[in-house]
Amino acid sequence: MTLLCAFLIGLFGGLRSMTAPAATAWAVHLGWLRLERPLALIGSLPSVIVFTLLALVEYIVDKLPKTPARTKPPGLIARIVFGGLCGSCVAAAGSETAVLGAMLGAIGGIVGCFGGYQARTRLVKALGVKDFYVAVVEDLVAIAGSLWVVSRF
């Protein structure tokens, strides 16, 4: 179950790159995830504040028409890196190896990035609605999914 959660936190991070780190930071800060240093630093108050603010900014910027696709290198790299970070935290909290968790989280980030992009564009076309509405639902899925994963421990 722990390794699946490491993959899933990466997958949700693939939908919104800053949501998984914000949820992970809060989980460590609140004691839901128990980690040793150096991973425990993600739960420090400055980390919680920074990741939360970045997640809030991402929710807004994602809705702007000029925002580049998540599949472009900067967005994709962020999803891989933060998926790996969050996957390692989840794995370590569940007594698995952080390295394996990082790999699974990074893979989840890639799957979430491309899968989320495909799902969003296809849903917009199939439902005949504005992208904004599907994007808000995607935000909610990323938030709820990330919180579900980090609350399992």
C-alpha atoms as a PDB file:
ATOM      1  CA  MET A   1       0.000   0.000   0.000  1.00  0.00           C
ATOM      2  CA  THR A   2       2.826   2.439   0.826  1.00  0.00           C
ATOM      3  CA  LEU A   3       4.463   2.146  -2.588  1.00  0.00           C
ATOM      4  CA  LEU A   4       1.114   2.599  -4.317  1.00  0.00           C
ATOM      5  CA  CYS A   5       0.648   5.766  -2.263  1.00  0.00           C
ATOM      6  CA  ALA A   6       4.107   6.970  -3.341  1.00  0.00           C
ATOM      7  CA  PHE A   7       3.042   6.548  -6.970  1.00  0.00           C
ATOM      8  CA  LEU A   8      -0.342   8.196  -6.353  1.00  0.00           C
ATOM      9  CA  ILE A   9       1.084  11.289  -4.654  1.00  0.00           C
ATOM     10  CA  GLY A  10       3.273  11.723  -7.734  1.00  0.00           C
ATOM     11  CA  LEU A  11       0.257  11.213  -9.993  1.00  0.00           C
ATOM     12  CA  PHE A  12      -1.700  13.929  -8.194  1.00  0.00           C
ATOM     13  CA  GLY A  13       1.384  16.119  -8.389  1.00  0.00           C
ATOM     14  CA  GLY A  14       1.318  15.522 -12.137  1.00  0.00           C
ATOM     15  CA  LEU A  15      -2.085  17.195 -12.223  1.00  0.00           C
ATOM     16  CA  ARG A  16      -0.931  20.212 -10.190  1.00  0.00           C
ATOM     17  CA  SER A  17       2.779  20.367  -9.497  1.00  0.00           C
ATOM     18  CA  MET A  18       2.554  22.287  -6.217  1.00  0.00           C
ATOM     19  CA  THR A  19      -0.467  20.565  -4.682  1.00  0.00           C
ATOM     20  CA  ALA A  20       1.312  17.353  -3.719  1.00  0.00           C
ATOM     21  CA  PRO A  21       4.238  19.165  -2.054  1.00  0.00           C
ATOM     22  CA  ALA A  22       1.841  21.465  -0.194  1.00  0.00           C
ATOM     23  CA  ALA A  23      -0.219  18.503   1.040  1.00  0.00           C
ATOM     24  CA  THR A  24       2.932  16.595   1.985  1.00  0.00           C
ATOM     25  CA  ALA A  25       4.363  19.612   3.818  1.00  0.00           C
ATOM     26  CA  TRP A  26       1.139  20.050   5.779  1.00  0.00           C
ATOM     27  CA  ALA A  27       0.983  16.323   6.559  1.00  0.00           C
ATOM     28  CA  VAL A  28       4.512  16.340   7.984  1.00  0.00           C
ATOM     29  CA  HIS A  29       3.879  19.598   9.842  1.00  0.00           C
ATOM     30  CA  LEU A  30       0.702  18.186  11.411  1.00  0.00           C
ATOM     31  CA  GLY A  31       2.335  14.855  12.271  1.00  0.00           C
ATOM     32  CA  TRP A  32       0.338  12.734   9.804  1.00  0.00           C
ATOM     33  CA  LEU A  33       3.598  11.703   8.150  1.00  0.00           C
ATOM     34  CA  ARG A  34       6.524  11.042  10.475  1.00  0.00           C
ATOM     35  CA  LEU A  35       9.865  11.603   8.809  1.00  0.00           C
ATOM     36  CA  GLU A  36      13.501  11.821   9.810  1.00  0.00           C
ATOM     37  CA  ARG A  37      15.846  14.536   8.600  1.00  0.00           C
ATOM     38  CA  PRO A  38      16.493  15.655   5.904  1.00  0.00           C
ATOM     39  CA  LEU A  39      13.036  14.768   4.534  1.00  0.00           C
ATOM     40  CA  ALA A  40      11.393  16.139   7.689  1.00  0.00           C
ATOM     41  CA  LEU A  41      12.397  19.644   6.601  1.00  0.00           C
ATOM     42  CA  ILE A  42       9.461  19.666   4.178  1.00  0.00           C
ATOM     43  CA  GLY A  43       7.230  20.000   7.248  1.00  0.00           C
ATOM     44  CA  SER A  44       8.958  23.107   8.579  1.00  0.00           C
ATOM     45  CA  LEU A  45       6.794  26.216   8.804  1.00  0.00           C
ATOM     46  CA  PRO A  46       8.690  28.063   6.037  1.00  0.00           C
ATOM     47  CA  SER A  47       8.243  25.057   3.709  1.00  0.00           C
ATOM     48  CA  VAL A  48       4.540  24.811   4.511  1.00  0.00           C
ATOM     49  CA  ILE A  49       4.065  28.505   3.784  1.00  0.00           C
ATOM     50  CA  VAL A  50       6.069  28.488   0.538  1.00  0.00           C
ATOM     51  CA  PHE A  51       4.466  25.337  -0.892  1.00  0.00           C
ATOM     52  CA  THR A  52       0.979  26.494   0.073  1.00  0.00           C
ATOM     53  CA  LEU A  53       1.479  29.899  -1.560  1.00  0.00           C
ATOM     54  CA  LEU A  54       2.949  28.295  -4.682  1.00  0.00           C
ATOM     55  CA  ALA A  55      -0.036  25.938  -4.903  1.00  0.00           C
ATOM     56  CA  LEU A  56      -2.469  28.848  -4.627  1.00  0.00           C
ATOM     57  CA  VAL A  57      -0.620  30.773  -7.330  1.00  0.00           C
ATOM     58  CA  GLU A  58      -0.619  27.688  -9.553  1.00  0.00           C
ATOM     59  CA  TYR A  59      -4.416  27.343  -9.261  1.00  0.00           C
ATOM     60  CA  ILE A  60      -4.777  30.889 -10.602  1.00  0.00           C
ATOM     61  CA  VAL A  61      -2.050  30.797 -13.258  1.00  0.00           C
ATOM     62  CA  ASP A  62      -3.327  27.475 -14.620  1.00  0.00           C
ATOM     63  CA  LYS A  63      -6.563  29.172 -15.700  1.00  0.00           C
ATOM     64  CA  LEU A  64      -4.853  31.939 -17.703  1.00  0.00           C
ATOM     65  CA  PRO A  65      -4.959  31.584 -21.495  1.00  0.00           C
ATOM     66  CA  LYS A  66      -1.227  32.202 -21.987  1.00  0.00           C
ATOM     67  CA  THR A  67      -0.086  29.551 -19.508  1.00  0.00           C
ATOM     68  CA  PRO A  68       2.169  27.018 -21.261  1.00  0.00           C
ATOM     69  CA  ALA A  69       1.128  23.374 -21.399  1.00  0.00           C
ATOM     70  CA  ARG A  70       2.165  21.244 -18.446  1.00  0.00           C
ATOM     71  CA  THR A  71       3.860  18.875 -20.884  1.00  0.00           C
ATOM     72  CA  LYS A  72       6.459  21.511 -21.837  1.00  0.00           C
ATOM     73  CA  PRO A  73       9.870  21.044 -20.175  1.00  0.00           C
ATOM     74  CA  PRO A  74       9.546  23.460 -17.197  1.00  0.00           C
ATOM     75  CA  GLY A  75       6.181  22.065 -16.082  1.00  0.00           C
ATOM     76  CA  LEU A  76       7.130  18.471 -16.772  1.00  0.00           C
ATOM     77  CA  ILE A  77      10.428  18.780 -14.907  1.00  0.00           C
ATOM     78  CA  ALA A  78       8.656  20.312 -11.887  1.00  0.00           C
ATOM     79  CA  ARG A  79       6.182  17.432 -11.849  1.00  0.00           C
ATOM     80  CA  ILE A  80       8.952  14.845 -11.993  1.00  0.00           C
ATOM     81  CA  VAL A  81      11.067  16.520  -9.286  1.00  0.00           C
ATOM     82  CA  PHE A  82       8.227  17.242  -6.872  1.00  0.00           C
ATOM     83  CA  GLY A  83       6.569  13.883  -7.580  1.00  0.00           C
ATOM     84  CA  GLY A  84       9.862  12.265  -6.611  1.00  0.00           C
ATOM     85  CA  LEU A  85      10.200  14.372  -3.474  1.00  0.00           C
ATOM     86  CA  CYS A  86       6.668  13.622  -2.310  1.00  0.00           C
ATOM     87  CA  GLY A  87       6.959   9.957  -3.245  1.00  0.00           C
ATOM     88  CA  SER A  88      10.119   9.656  -1.160  1.00  0.00           C
ATOM     89  CA  CYS A  89       8.391  11.293   1.817  1.00  0.00           C
ATOM     90  CA  VAL A  90       5.382   8.993   1.602  1.00  0.00           C
ATOM     91  CA  ALA A  91       7.550   5.900   1.184  1.00  0.00           C
ATOM     92  CA  ALA A  92       9.825   6.822   4.091  1.00  0.00           C
ATOM     93  CA  ALA A  93       6.824   7.528   6.326  1.00  0.00           C
ATOM     94  CA  GLY A  94       5.525   4.059   5.469  1.00  0.00           C
ATOM     95  CA  SER A  95       8.849   2.356   6.287  1.00  0.00           C
ATOM     96  CA  GLU A  96       9.834   1.803   2.648  1.00  0.00           C
ATOM     97  CA  THR A  97      12.990   3.080   0.987  1.00  0.00           C
ATOM     98  CA  ALA A  98      12.942   6.742   0.047  1.00  0.00           C
ATOM     99  CA  VAL A  99      14.776   6.041  -3.228  1.00  0.00           C
ATOM    100  CA  LEU A 100      12.122   3.609  -4.440  1.00  0.00           C
ATOM    101  CA  GLY A 101       9.429   6.055  -3.335  1.00  0.00           C
ATOM    102  CA  ALA A 102      11.157   8.845  -5.259  1.00  0.00           C
ATOM    103  CA  MET A 103      11.260   6.744  -8.417  1.00  0.00           C
ATOM    104  CA  LEU A 104       7.597   5.783  -8.110  1.00  0.00           C
ATOM    105  CA  GLY A 105       6.603   9.371  -7.322  1.00  0.00           C
ATOM    106  CA  ALA A 106       8.517  10.649 -10.353  1.00  0.00           C
ATOM    107  CA  ILE A 107       6.847   8.049 -12.583  1.00  0.00           C
ATOM    108  CA  GLY A 108       3.497   9.056 -11.095  1.00  0.00           C
ATOM    109  CA  GLY A 109       4.307  12.677 -11.909  1.00  0.00           C
ATOM    110  CA  ILE A 110       4.882  11.779 -15.558  1.00  0.00           C
ATOM    111  CA  VAL A 111       1.700   9.697 -15.738  1.00  0.00           C
ATOM    112  CA  GLY A 112      -0.315  12.438 -14.047  1.00  0.00           C
ATOM    113  CA  CYS A 113       1.148  15.098 -16.314  1.00  0.00           C
ATOM    114  CA  PHE A 114       0.359  13.413 -19.621  1.00  0.00           C
ATOM    115  CA  GLY A 115      -2.746  11.558 -18.441  1.00  0.00           C
ATOM    116  CA  GLY A 116      -4.187  14.694 -16.859  1.00  0.00           C
ATOM    117  CA  TYR A 117      -3.498  16.709 -19.997  1.00  0.00           C
ATOM    118  CA  GLN A 118      -5.234  14.125 -22.181  1.00  0.00           C
ATOM    119  CA  ALA A 119      -8.182  13.762 -19.810  1.00  0.00           C
ATOM    120  CA  ARG A 120      -8.670  17.512 -19.527  1.00  0.00           C
ATOM    121  CA  THR A 121      -8.512  18.249 -23.249  1.00  0.00           C
ATOM    122  CA  ARG A 122     -10.809  15.327 -24.080  1.00  0.00           C
ATOM    123  CA  LEU A 123     -13.327  16.234 -21.393  1.00  0.00           C
ATOM    124  CA  VAL A 124     -13.496  19.832 -22.610  1.00  0.00           C
ATOM    125  CA  LYS A 125     -14.271  18.623 -26.127  1.00  0.00           C
ATOM    126  CA  ALA A 126     -16.654  15.840 -25.084  1.00  0.00           C
ATOM    127  CA  LEU A 127     -18.646  17.981 -22.667  1.00  0.00           C
ATOM    128  CA  GLY A 128     -18.537  21.122 -24.789  1.00  0.00           C
ATOM    129  CA  VAL A 129     -17.664  23.275 -21.784  1.00  0.00           C
ATOM    130  CA  LYS A 130     -15.008  25.900 -21.186  1.00  0.00           C
ATOM    131  CA  ASP A 131     -11.606  24.643 -20.112  1.00  0.00           C
ATOM    132  CA  PHE A 132     -11.943  26.654 -16.893  1.00  0.00           C
ATOM    133  CA  TYR A 133     -14.641  24.355 -15.505  1.00  0.00           C
ATOM    134  CA  VAL A 134     -12.721  21.169 -16.173  1.00  0.00           C
ATOM    135  CA  ALA A 135      -9.587  22.793 -14.724  1.00  0.00           C
ATOM    136  CA  VAL A 136     -11.401  23.576 -11.469  1.00  0.00           C
ATOM    137  CA  VAL A 137     -12.552  19.949 -11.200  1.00  0.00           C
ATOM    138  CA  GLU A 138      -8.961  18.882 -11.867  1.00  0.00           C
ATOM    139  CA  ASP A 139      -7.818  21.173  -9.031  1.00  0.00           C
ATOM    140  CA  LEU A 140     -10.291  19.508  -6.684  1.00  0.00           C
ATOM    141  CA  VAL A 141      -9.179  16.025  -7.722  1.00  0.00           C
ATOM    142  CA  ALA A 142      -5.521  16.952  -7.124  1.00  0.00           C
ATOM    143  CA  ILE A 143      -6.283  18.453  -3.706  1.00  0.00           C
ATOM    144  CA  ALA A 144      -8.576  15.668  -2.511  1.00  0.00           C
ATOM    145  CA  GLY A 145      -6.333  12.931  -3.882  1.00  0.00           C
ATOM    146  CA  SER A 146      -3.182  14.388  -2.338  1.00  0.00           C
ATOM    147  CA  LEU A 147      -4.856  14.838   1.039  1.00  0.00           C
ATOM    148  CA  TRP A 148      -6.249  11.312   0.885  1.00  0.00           C
ATOM    149  CA  VAL A 149      -2.782   9.861   0.232  1.00  0.00           C
ATOM    150  CA  VAL A 150      -0.966  11.749   2.991  1.00  0.00           C
ATOM    151  CA  SER A 151      -3.690  10.978   5.527  1.00  0.00           C
ATOM    152  CA  ARG A 152      -3.253   7.202   5.121  1.00  0.00           C
ATOM    153  CA  PHE A 153      -0.375   7.037   7.599  1.00  0.00           C
END
